[in-house]
């Protein structure tokens, strides 16, 4: 129930309200005043003065707390990937000479399993510090805060609210998985199917090999590191564009997802898509992403390099299941796909309702990954055969084929100690130090 505010002011870091906690106080004061007015006897006068002094003293105490008490949250160690440990330092500072008999921290953070909610007490001109730690077990874009600090004076008449409205965003990247051999899209399918004597599409700037220089080769293609190591000129062999652009199209339709949380197919698709992007980009292919999440369609045009990998991870980290079916996603993607690109739908939905949209990309223009989980066991092979008959190469992936690898983006940010034979503990690794949250 919302309390009536008696005073409100703004500090540099928060909004401060003083509210009346004892709703019976005003009727009591009014009743005693009426009693004294109708019958000005000694008992009535003493009661009126005593209650008045108590109210003034309690309000003065609350005002001192509102101006002299400060709460602070500082992000000491931040999370970067699933498995990292996040740690916050919480400080309750009292610059008033009056003690804080109770202080309640109310946290509205969205990071699963993490909260600084607690009740504390601190004496006058003193402070308290403690920490809150959480191992991040779920990918996503989360916030630390907003949060509130509730303070009370000992008589329970007034309550002080300090409201900190500026949350800090925490981005937790999904883990990667070790993929089985042969899972990556078959390269060169479209190039092998081109008519005889038709030239290859334009070459990219991505080199995948070197060869000896031949008359007519452009000097700008000379690979100088290899030339310096060997006796003669060597040039870069550039990859044709027809073999270098892949659109990843994971099926995030909420209607076809199975399971919840870490064991659900949504998380499985996110991990598989991120792992495929990592492997394809390492192979110097151009990788794009098209998916429909809870906030609508997201697009990322095919690009190469590590920066593209982080852009894909950033989108996958925050995406949630949406309403658009895979067939509609493929239909919207069709105008954006160049003739030299390959579209790769990734789905656990083993129905054929998206087949019509897939065949519009032409021979070799669409390949598919069919994720088979326990609830749809045995259906992937049948769909694979149907897709093959339509000229769509499909690969079946089983849940156990996707082996999650924590720490794929770097060493996990956790406290690690080694115990010696003497019983002494030595620090082996500390989490990543982050900036502040106030």
Protein backbone atom coordinates (compact mmCIF):
# COMPACT_ATOMS: atom_id res chain seq x y z
CA UNK A 1 0.00 0.00 0.00
CA UNK A 2 1.42 3.39 -1.02
CA UNK A 3 2.16 5.71 1.90
CA UNK A 4 1.35 9.46 1.77
CA UNK A 5 4.49 11.55 1.14
CA UNK A 6 5.16 14.43 3.51
CA UNK A 7 8.45 15.63 1.95
CA UNK A 8 10.20 14.93 -1.34
CA UNK A 9 13.56 16.17 -2.61
CA UNK A 10 16.21 15.15 -5.14
CA UNK A 11 19.77 14.15 -4.34
CA UNK A 12 22.53 13.70 -6.90
CA UNK A 13 22.14 9.91 -6.91
CA UNK A 14 18.52 9.29 -5.90
CA UNK A 15 15.06 10.61 -5.08
CA UNK A 16 14.22 10.88 -1.38
CA UNK A 17 10.71 10.70 0.09
CA UNK A 18 9.58 10.91 3.70
CA UNK A 19 6.24 9.17 4.13
CA UNK A 20 3.82 8.79 7.03
CA UNK A 21 3.94 5.14 8.08
CA UNK A 22 1.48 5.31 11.00
CA UNK A 23 -1.81 6.16 9.31
CA UNK A 24 -3.54 6.29 12.66
CA UNK A 25 -1.37 9.20 13.80
CA UNK A 26 -3.36 12.05 12.27
CA UNK A 27 -6.76 10.78 13.52
CA UNK A 28 -5.21 10.37 16.99
CA UNK A 29 -3.82 13.91 17.01
CA UNK A 30 -7.12 15.27 15.79
CA UNK A 31 -9.03 13.31 18.43
CA UNK A 32 -6.79 14.50 21.27
CA UNK A 33 -7.02 18.10 20.02
CA UNK A 34 -10.82 17.88 19.95
CA UNK A 35 -10.76 16.33 23.42
CA UNK A 36 -8.59 19.19 24.72
CA UNK A 37 -10.81 21.79 23.01
CA UNK A 38 -13.99 20.38 24.53
CA UNK A 39 -12.49 19.62 27.93
CA UNK A 40 -9.17 21.39 28.59
CA UNK A 41 -8.18 19.23 31.54
CA UNK A 42 -4.61 18.39 32.51
CA UNK A 43 -4.68 14.86 31.12
CA UNK A 44 -5.81 16.10 27.72
CA UNK A 45 -3.13 18.79 27.67
CA UNK A 46 -0.36 16.37 28.65
CA UNK A 47 -1.54 13.86 26.03
CA UNK A 48 -1.61 16.49 23.29
CA UNK A 49 1.84 17.84 24.15
CA UNK A 50 3.37 14.37 24.53
CA UNK A 51 2.05 13.12 21.21
CA UNK A 52 3.10 16.36 19.52
CA UNK A 53 6.65 16.13 20.86
CA UNK A 54 6.87 12.46 19.87
CA UNK A 55 5.79 13.31 16.32
CA UNK A 56 8.30 16.15 16.07
CA UNK A 57 11.12 14.00 17.45
CA UNK A 58 10.32 11.08 15.14
CA UNK A 59 10.05 13.37 12.12
CA UNK A 60 13.37 15.02 12.98
CA UNK A 61 14.97 11.58 13.23
CA UNK A 62 13.51 10.61 9.83
CA UNK A 63 14.73 13.88 8.29
CA UNK A 64 18.24 13.23 9.63
CA UNK A 65 18.21 9.77 8.06
CA UNK A 66 16.93 11.15 4.76
CA UNK A 67 19.82 13.60 4.55
CA UNK A 68 22.60 11.65 6.24
CA UNK A 69 22.22 8.03 5.12
CA UNK A 70 23.50 6.85 1.75
CA UNK A 71 23.23 3.52 -0.02
CA UNK A 72 25.60 2.41 -2.75
CA UNK A 73 26.01 -0.60 -5.04
CA UNK A 74 29.30 -1.15 -6.83
CA UNK A 75 29.82 -3.82 -9.46
CA UNK A 76 33.15 -5.29 -8.44
CA UNK A 77 33.31 -8.28 -10.77
CA UNK A 78 31.09 -8.40 -13.82
CA UNK A 79 29.80 -11.27 -15.91
CA UNK A 80 30.67 -11.67 -19.56
CA UNK A 81 29.52 -15.19 -20.45
CA UNK A 82 27.45 -18.00 -18.96
CA UNK A 83 29.43 -19.45 -16.06
CA UNK A 84 31.03 -16.18 -14.93
CA UNK A 85 30.60 -15.04 -11.34
CA UNK A 86 29.18 -11.58 -10.78
CA UNK A 87 29.85 -9.79 -7.50
CA UNK A 88 28.52 -6.53 -6.11
CA UNK A 89 29.70 -4.59 -3.06
CA UNK A 90 26.85 -2.95 -1.13
CA UNK A 91 27.56 -0.10 1.26
CA UNK A 92 25.28 1.49 3.86
CA UNK A 93 26.85 4.76 5.01
CA UNK A 94 25.38 6.74 7.91
CA UNK A 95 26.81 10.27 8.27
CA UNK A 96 24.22 11.20 10.88
CA UNK A 97 24.86 10.90 14.63
CA UNK A 98 21.51 9.10 14.96
CA UNK A 99 21.54 5.30 14.42
CA UNK A 100 19.61 3.50 11.68
CA UNK A 101 17.52 0.92 13.52
CA UNK A 102 16.49 -0.77 10.27
CA UNK A 103 17.32 -0.31 6.62
CA UNK A 104 15.73 -2.49 3.96
CA UNK A 105 17.26 -2.89 0.50
CA UNK A 106 14.59 -3.56 -2.13
CA UNK A 107 16.07 -4.80 -5.41
CA UNK A 108 14.38 -4.89 -8.82
CA UNK A 109 17.28 -6.45 -10.74
CA UNK A 110 16.38 -8.82 -13.57
CA UNK A 111 19.45 -11.08 -13.42
CA UNK A 112 18.15 -14.54 -12.41
CA UNK A 113 19.22 -15.58 -8.92
CA UNK A 114 20.80 -12.22 -8.09
CA UNK A 115 19.51 -9.76 -5.50
CA UNK A 116 20.83 -7.40 -2.85
CA UNK A 117 17.55 -7.54 -0.92
CA UNK A 118 18.29 -7.56 2.81
CA UNK A 119 17.56 -5.74 6.09
CA UNK A 120 20.44 -4.06 7.97
CA UNK A 121 21.13 -1.75 10.90
CA UNK A 122 24.01 0.66 11.38
CA UNK A 123 25.06 2.99 14.18
CA UNK A 124 25.59 6.73 13.99
CA UNK A 125 28.58 7.99 11.98
CA UNK A 126 29.45 4.50 10.78
CA UNK A 127 29.01 2.22 7.79
CA UNK A 128 28.51 -1.39 6.74
CA UNK A 129 29.78 -3.22 3.65
CA UNK A 130 28.91 -6.68 2.33
CA UNK A 131 28.87 -8.49 -0.99
CA UNK A 132 26.32 -10.30 -3.17
CA UNK A 133 27.62 -12.97 -5.56
CA UNK A 134 25.87 -14.87 -8.34
CA UNK A 135 27.08 -17.35 -10.95
CA UNK A 136 25.37 -16.40 -14.23
CA UNK A 137 23.69 -19.52 -15.60
CA UNK A 138 21.53 -17.92 -18.27
CA UNK A 139 22.38 -15.82 -21.31
CA UNK A 140 20.56 -12.56 -21.82
CA UNK A 141 20.53 -8.80 -21.37
CA UNK A 142 19.79 -8.06 -17.72
CA UNK A 143 19.74 -5.07 -15.41
CA UNK A 144 21.14 -4.49 -11.95
CA UNK A 145 18.59 -2.15 -10.42
CA UNK A 146 16.56 -0.06 -10.16
CA UNK A 147 16.50 -0.39 -6.38
CA UNK A 148 15.25 1.30 -3.22
CA UNK A 149 16.52 1.87 0.30
CA UNK A 150 13.82 2.03 3.01
CA UNK A 151 14.80 3.56 6.36
CA UNK A 152 12.83 3.73 9.59
CA UNK A 153 13.08 5.64 12.86
CA UNK A 154 12.56 3.63 16.09
CA UNK A 155 8.98 4.76 16.75
CA UNK A 156 7.63 3.48 13.44
CA UNK A 157 5.80 6.70 12.62
CA UNK A 158 7.70 7.73 9.48
CA UNK A 159 9.53 5.95 6.68
CA UNK A 160 12.26 7.26 4.39
CA UNK A 161 12.41 6.05 0.78
CA UNK A 162 15.54 6.49 -1.29
CA UNK A 163 14.82 5.50 -4.90
CA UNK A 164 17.72 4.76 -7.29
CA UNK A 165 16.23 4.68 -10.78
CA UNK A 166 19.27 4.22 -13.03
CA UNK A 167 19.89 0.51 -13.68
CA UNK A 168 23.12 -0.89 -15.10
CA UNK A 169 22.87 -3.24 -18.06
CA UNK A 170 24.65 -6.59 -17.87
CA UNK A 171 25.11 -8.57 -21.06
CA UNK A 172 25.74 -12.30 -20.61
CA UNK A 173 26.79 -14.03 -23.82
CA UNK A 174 25.58 -17.57 -24.56
CA UNK A 175 28.12 -20.40 -24.39
CA UNK A 176 29.43 -22.15 -27.47
CA UNK A 177 29.38 -25.84 -28.27
CA UNK A 178 31.76 -28.27 -29.90
CA UNK A 179 29.97 -29.26 -33.11
CA UNK A 180 30.21 -32.69 -34.71
CA UNK A 181 32.17 -33.07 -37.97
CA UNK A 182 30.26 -32.49 -41.17
CA UNK A 183 27.71 -30.15 -39.59
CA UNK A 184 28.79 -27.02 -41.43
CA UNK A 185 26.99 -26.17 -44.69
CA UNK A 186 28.38 -27.85 -47.79
CA UNK A 187 30.46 -25.26 -49.55
CA UNK A 188 30.34 -24.86 -53.29
CA UNK A 189 26.90 -26.40 -53.86
CA UNK A 190 25.68 -23.45 -55.91
CA UNK A 191 28.99 -23.01 -57.73
CA UNK A 192 29.08 -26.68 -58.74
CA UNK A 193 25.58 -26.40 -60.15
CA UNK A 194 26.31 -23.44 -62.46
CA UNK A 195 26.08 -23.94 -66.24
CA UNK A 196 29.27 -24.80 -68.17
CA UNK A 197 31.50 -21.85 -69.20
CA UNK A 198 29.50 -19.49 -66.96
CA UNK A 199 31.99 -17.37 -65.01
CA UNK A 200 32.11 -17.54 -61.26
CA UNK A 201 30.59 -14.70 -59.30
CA UNK A 202 32.80 -11.88 -58.15
CA UNK A 203 35.61 -12.84 -55.84
CA UNK A 204 35.72 -11.67 -52.25
CA UNK A 205 38.71 -10.20 -50.43
CA UNK A 206 38.98 -13.37 -48.36
CA UNK A 207 42.05 -15.51 -49.19
CA UNK A 208 42.00 -19.21 -48.38
CA UNK A 209 45.29 -20.32 -50.01
CA UNK A 210 48.41 -19.10 -51.85
CA UNK A 211 49.97 -20.25 -55.11
CA UNK A 212 52.96 -19.41 -57.28
CA UNK A 213 52.74 -16.21 -59.31
CA UNK A 214 51.60 -16.58 -62.92
CA UNK A 215 51.82 -14.10 -65.76
CA UNK A 216 48.78 -11.86 -65.66
CA UNK A 217 48.24 -12.00 -61.86
CA UNK A 218 47.63 -8.59 -60.32
CA UNK A 219 50.49 -7.38 -58.15
CA UNK A 220 48.00 -6.32 -55.48
CA UNK A 221 47.37 -10.04 -54.83
CA UNK A 222 50.97 -10.81 -53.99
CA UNK A 223 51.19 -12.39 -50.53
CA UNK A 224 54.34 -10.75 -49.24
CA UNK A 225 54.84 -12.85 -46.06
CA UNK A 226 54.92 -16.06 -48.13
CA UNK A 227 57.04 -14.41 -50.82
CA UNK A 228 59.57 -13.39 -48.19
CA UNK A 229 59.79 -16.94 -46.81
CA UNK A 230 60.10 -18.69 -50.19
CA UNK A 231 62.22 -18.22 -53.27
CA UNK A 232 59.73 -16.60 -55.65
CA UNK A 233 56.48 -14.64 -55.86
CA UNK A 234 53.30 -16.07 -54.39
CA UNK A 235 49.80 -14.65 -54.74
CA UNK A 236 46.64 -15.05 -52.69
CA UNK A 237 43.87 -17.28 -53.96
CA UNK A 238 40.62 -15.40 -53.30
CA UNK A 239 37.42 -17.14 -52.43
CA UNK A 240 34.50 -16.76 -54.88
CA UNK A 241 31.57 -14.87 -53.41
CA UNK A 242 29.27 -17.73 -54.34
CA UNK A 243 30.94 -19.82 -51.64
CA UNK A 244 31.24 -17.20 -48.94
CA UNK A 245 27.81 -15.90 -47.81
CA UNK A 246 25.67 -17.84 -45.34
CA UNK A 247 22.40 -16.65 -43.80
CA UNK A 248 21.68 -18.38 -40.48
CA UNK A 249 17.90 -18.55 -39.87
CA UNK A 250 17.12 -20.11 -36.47
CA UNK A 251 13.45 -20.89 -35.81
CA UNK A 252 12.56 -19.04 -32.60
CA UNK A 253 8.80 -19.39 -33.01
CA UNK A 254 7.34 -19.81 -29.50
CA UNK A 255 4.69 -22.25 -30.74
CA UNK A 256 7.27 -24.92 -31.61
CA UNK A 257 9.63 -24.61 -28.63
CA UNK A 258 9.86 -27.49 -26.18
CA UNK A 259 11.03 -27.41 -22.57
CA UNK A 260 11.94 -24.50 -20.34
CA UNK A 261 15.09 -22.68 -19.29
CA UNK A 262 18.50 -24.22 -19.86
CA UNK A 263 16.99 -27.51 -21.08
CA UNK A 264 14.58 -25.93 -23.55
CA UNK A 265 14.97 -26.02 -27.31
CA UNK A 266 15.18 -22.21 -27.46
CA UNK A 267 18.49 -22.24 -25.58
CA UNK A 268 19.65 -25.17 -27.69
CA UNK A 269 18.97 -23.21 -30.88
CA UNK A 270 20.77 -20.13 -29.55
CA UNK A 271 23.87 -22.17 -28.65
CA UNK A 272 23.84 -24.02 -31.97
CA UNK A 273 23.44 -20.81 -33.98
CA UNK A 274 26.24 -19.04 -32.08
CA UNK A 275 28.56 -22.04 -32.50
CA UNK A 276 27.84 -22.28 -36.22
CA UNK A 277 28.53 -18.56 -36.63
CA UNK A 278 31.86 -18.95 -34.83
CA UNK A 279 32.96 -21.89 -37.00
CA UNK A 280 31.80 -20.32 -40.26
CA UNK A 281 33.52 -17.02 -39.53
CA UNK A 282 36.72 -18.87 -38.65
CA UNK A 283 36.44 -20.44 -42.10
CA UNK A 284 36.42 -16.86 -43.48
CA UNK A 285 32.86 -17.04 -44.73
CA UNK A 286 30.47 -14.12 -44.66
CA UNK A 287 27.78 -14.86 -42.08
CA UNK A 288 24.44 -13.11 -41.59
CA UNK A 289 21.53 -13.67 -39.23
CA UNK A 290 17.76 -13.45 -39.70
CA UNK A 291 15.44 -14.38 -36.86
CA UNK A 292 12.08 -13.44 -35.37
CA UNK A 293 12.13 -12.83 -31.63
CA UNK A 294 9.68 -11.42 -29.13
CA UNK A 295 10.43 -7.88 -30.36
CA UNK A 296 10.03 -8.73 -34.04
CA UNK A 297 12.46 -9.47 -36.85
CA UNK A 298 16.19 -8.95 -36.41
CA UNK A 299 18.53 -8.72 -39.39
CA UNK A 300 22.27 -8.77 -39.65
CA UNK A 301 23.68 -8.64 -43.17
CA UNK A 302 26.47 -11.13 -43.98
CA UNK A 303 29.92 -9.90 -43.00
CA UNK A 304 33.24 -11.44 -42.07
CA UNK A 305 35.54 -11.09 -39.09
CA UNK A 306 35.50 -11.18 -35.32
CA UNK A 307 33.42 -8.02 -35.03
CA UNK A 308 30.59 -9.76 -36.89
CA UNK A 309 30.79 -12.64 -34.43
CA UNK A 310 30.27 -10.28 -31.49
CA UNK A 311 27.36 -8.58 -33.25
CA UNK A 312 25.70 -11.96 -33.77
CA UNK A 313 26.33 -12.93 -30.14
CA UNK A 314 24.87 -9.63 -28.96
CA UNK A 315 21.63 -10.29 -30.85
CA UNK A 316 21.43 -13.91 -29.72
CA UNK A 317 22.11 -13.00 -26.09
CA UNK A 318 18.94 -10.98 -25.75
CA UNK A 319 16.55 -12.75 -28.09
CA UNK A 320 13.42 -14.48 -26.79
CA UNK A 321 10.84 -16.65 -28.54
CA UNK A 322 8.56 -14.75 -30.92
CA UNK A 323 5.32 -15.26 -32.83
CA UNK A 324 6.43 -15.45 -36.48
CA UNK A 325 6.69 -18.96 -37.97
CA UNK A 326 9.78 -20.03 -39.91
CA UNK A 327 7.92 -19.90 -43.22
CA UNK A 328 7.18 -16.19 -42.79
CA UNK A 329 10.76 -15.43 -41.71
CA UNK A 330 12.07 -17.12 -44.87
CA UNK A 331 9.53 -15.23 -46.97
CA UNK A 332 10.63 -11.87 -45.56
CA UNK A 333 14.28 -12.81 -45.99
CA UNK A 334 13.93 -13.80 -49.66
CA UNK A 335 14.20 -10.26 -51.17
CA UNK A 336 17.42 -9.63 -49.22
CA UNK A 337 19.29 -12.77 -50.29
CA UNK A 338 21.67 -12.41 -53.19
CA UNK A 339 21.86 -15.13 -55.81
CA UNK A 340 25.29 -16.24 -54.54
CA UNK A 341 24.22 -16.74 -50.92
CA UNK A 342 23.07 -19.84 -49.06
CA UNK A 343 20.23 -19.77 -46.53
CA UNK A 344 20.50 -22.16 -43.57
CA UNK A 345 17.28 -22.67 -41.56
CA UNK A 346 17.90 -24.22 -38.12
CA UNK A 347 14.81 -25.71 -36.53
CA UNK A 348 13.43 -28.22 -34.06
CA UNK A 349 10.02 -28.01 -35.78
CA UNK A 350 9.97 -31.07 -38.01
CA UNK A 351 6.82 -30.17 -39.93
CA UNK A 352 6.82 -29.33 -43.64
CA UNK A 353 4.98 -25.99 -43.44
CA UNK A 354 8.15 -24.01 -44.23
CA UNK A 355 9.19 -26.19 -47.18
CA UNK A 356 7.42 -24.00 -49.75
CA UNK A 357 9.31 -20.91 -48.59
CA UNK A 358 12.62 -22.81 -48.59
CA UNK A 359 12.42 -23.99 -52.22
CA UNK A 360 12.01 -20.40 -53.48
CA UNK A 361 15.74 -19.85 -52.95
CA UNK A 362 16.47 -22.16 -55.88
CA UNK A 363 18.71 -25.22 -56.29
CA UNK A 364 21.48 -25.18 -53.72
CA UNK A 365 20.27 -21.86 -52.30
CA UNK A 366 18.90 -23.42 -49.12
CA UNK A 367 20.33 -26.02 -46.79
CA UNK A 368 18.87 -27.00 -43.44
CA UNK A 369 19.81 -28.21 -39.97
CA UNK A 370 17.12 -30.34 -38.32
CA UNK A 371 17.49 -30.51 -34.54
CA UNK A 372 16.01 -33.75 -33.25
CA UNK A 373 15.08 -33.87 -29.56
CA UNK A 374 13.42 -36.62 -27.54
CA UNK A 375 9.87 -35.37 -28.10
CA UNK A 376 10.19 -35.60 -31.90
CA UNK A 377 12.50 -38.62 -32.15
CA UNK A 378 12.39 -40.43 -35.48
CA UNK A 379 10.79 -37.63 -37.49
CA UNK A 380 13.96 -35.87 -38.63
CA UNK A 381 14.99 -38.62 -41.06
CA UNK A 382 11.61 -38.50 -42.80
CA UNK A 383 11.77 -34.72 -43.22
CA UNK A 384 15.38 -34.99 -44.39
CA UNK A 385 14.25 -37.29 -47.20
CA UNK A 386 11.46 -34.91 -48.22
CA UNK A 387 13.87 -31.96 -48.29
CA UNK A 388 16.37 -33.95 -50.33
CA UNK A 389 13.68 -34.62 -52.92
CA UNK A 390 13.21 -30.85 -53.24
CA UNK A 391 16.93 -30.23 -53.73
CA UNK A 392 17.54 -29.03 -50.17
CA UNK A 393 20.48 -30.66 -48.40
CA UNK A 394 19.56 -31.29 -44.77
CA UNK A 395 21.63 -32.48 -41.82
CA UNK A 396 20.14 -34.04 -38.68
CA UNK A 397 21.57 -32.88 -35.35
CA UNK A 398 20.81 -34.69 -32.10
CA UNK A 399 20.77 -32.95 -28.73
CA UNK A 400 23.75 -34.97 -27.52
CA UNK A 401 25.75 -33.78 -30.56
CA UNK A 402 25.75 -30.24 -29.17
CA UNK A 403 28.33 -30.40 -26.38
CA UNK A 404 28.28 -27.11 -24.50
CA UNK A 405 31.71 -25.71 -23.68
CA UNK A 406 31.78 -23.18 -20.84
CA UNK A 407 34.54 -20.61 -21.07
CA UNK A 408 34.58 -20.62 -24.87
CA UNK A 409 34.88 -16.80 -24.92
CA UNK A 410 37.81 -16.79 -22.51
CA UNK A 411 38.61 -18.05 -19.06
CA UNK A 412 35.63 -18.04 -16.71
CA UNK A 413 35.55 -15.07 -14.35
CA UNK A 414 35.52 -16.82 -10.99
CA UNK A 415 37.48 -17.05 -7.79
CA UNK A 416 39.90 -19.98 -8.02
CA UNK A 417 42.18 -21.11 -5.19
CA UNK A 418 44.76 -23.85 -4.79
CA UNK A 419 45.29 -25.44 -1.38
CA UNK A 420 48.86 -26.33 -0.41
CA UNK A 421 49.85 -29.33 1.68
CA UNK A 422 50.25 -27.00 4.66
CA UNK A 423 46.59 -25.99 4.39
CA UNK A 424 47.38 -22.53 3.03
CA UNK A 425 45.18 -21.36 0.12
CA UNK A 426 46.77 -19.51 -2.80
CA UNK A 427 44.77 -17.37 -5.21
CA UNK A 428 44.99 -18.82 -8.72
CA UNK A 429 42.54 -16.61 -10.59
CA UNK A 430 40.31 -13.63 -9.76
CA UNK A 431 37.18 -12.41 -11.62
CA UNK A 432 37.27 -9.49 -14.02
CA UNK A 433 37.22 -6.10 -12.26
CA UNK A 434 34.39 -3.87 -13.49
CA UNK A 435 33.24 -0.29 -13.09
CA UNK A 436 30.82 1.08 -10.50
CA UNK A 437 27.07 0.98 -10.02
CA UNK A 438 25.69 3.78 -7.93
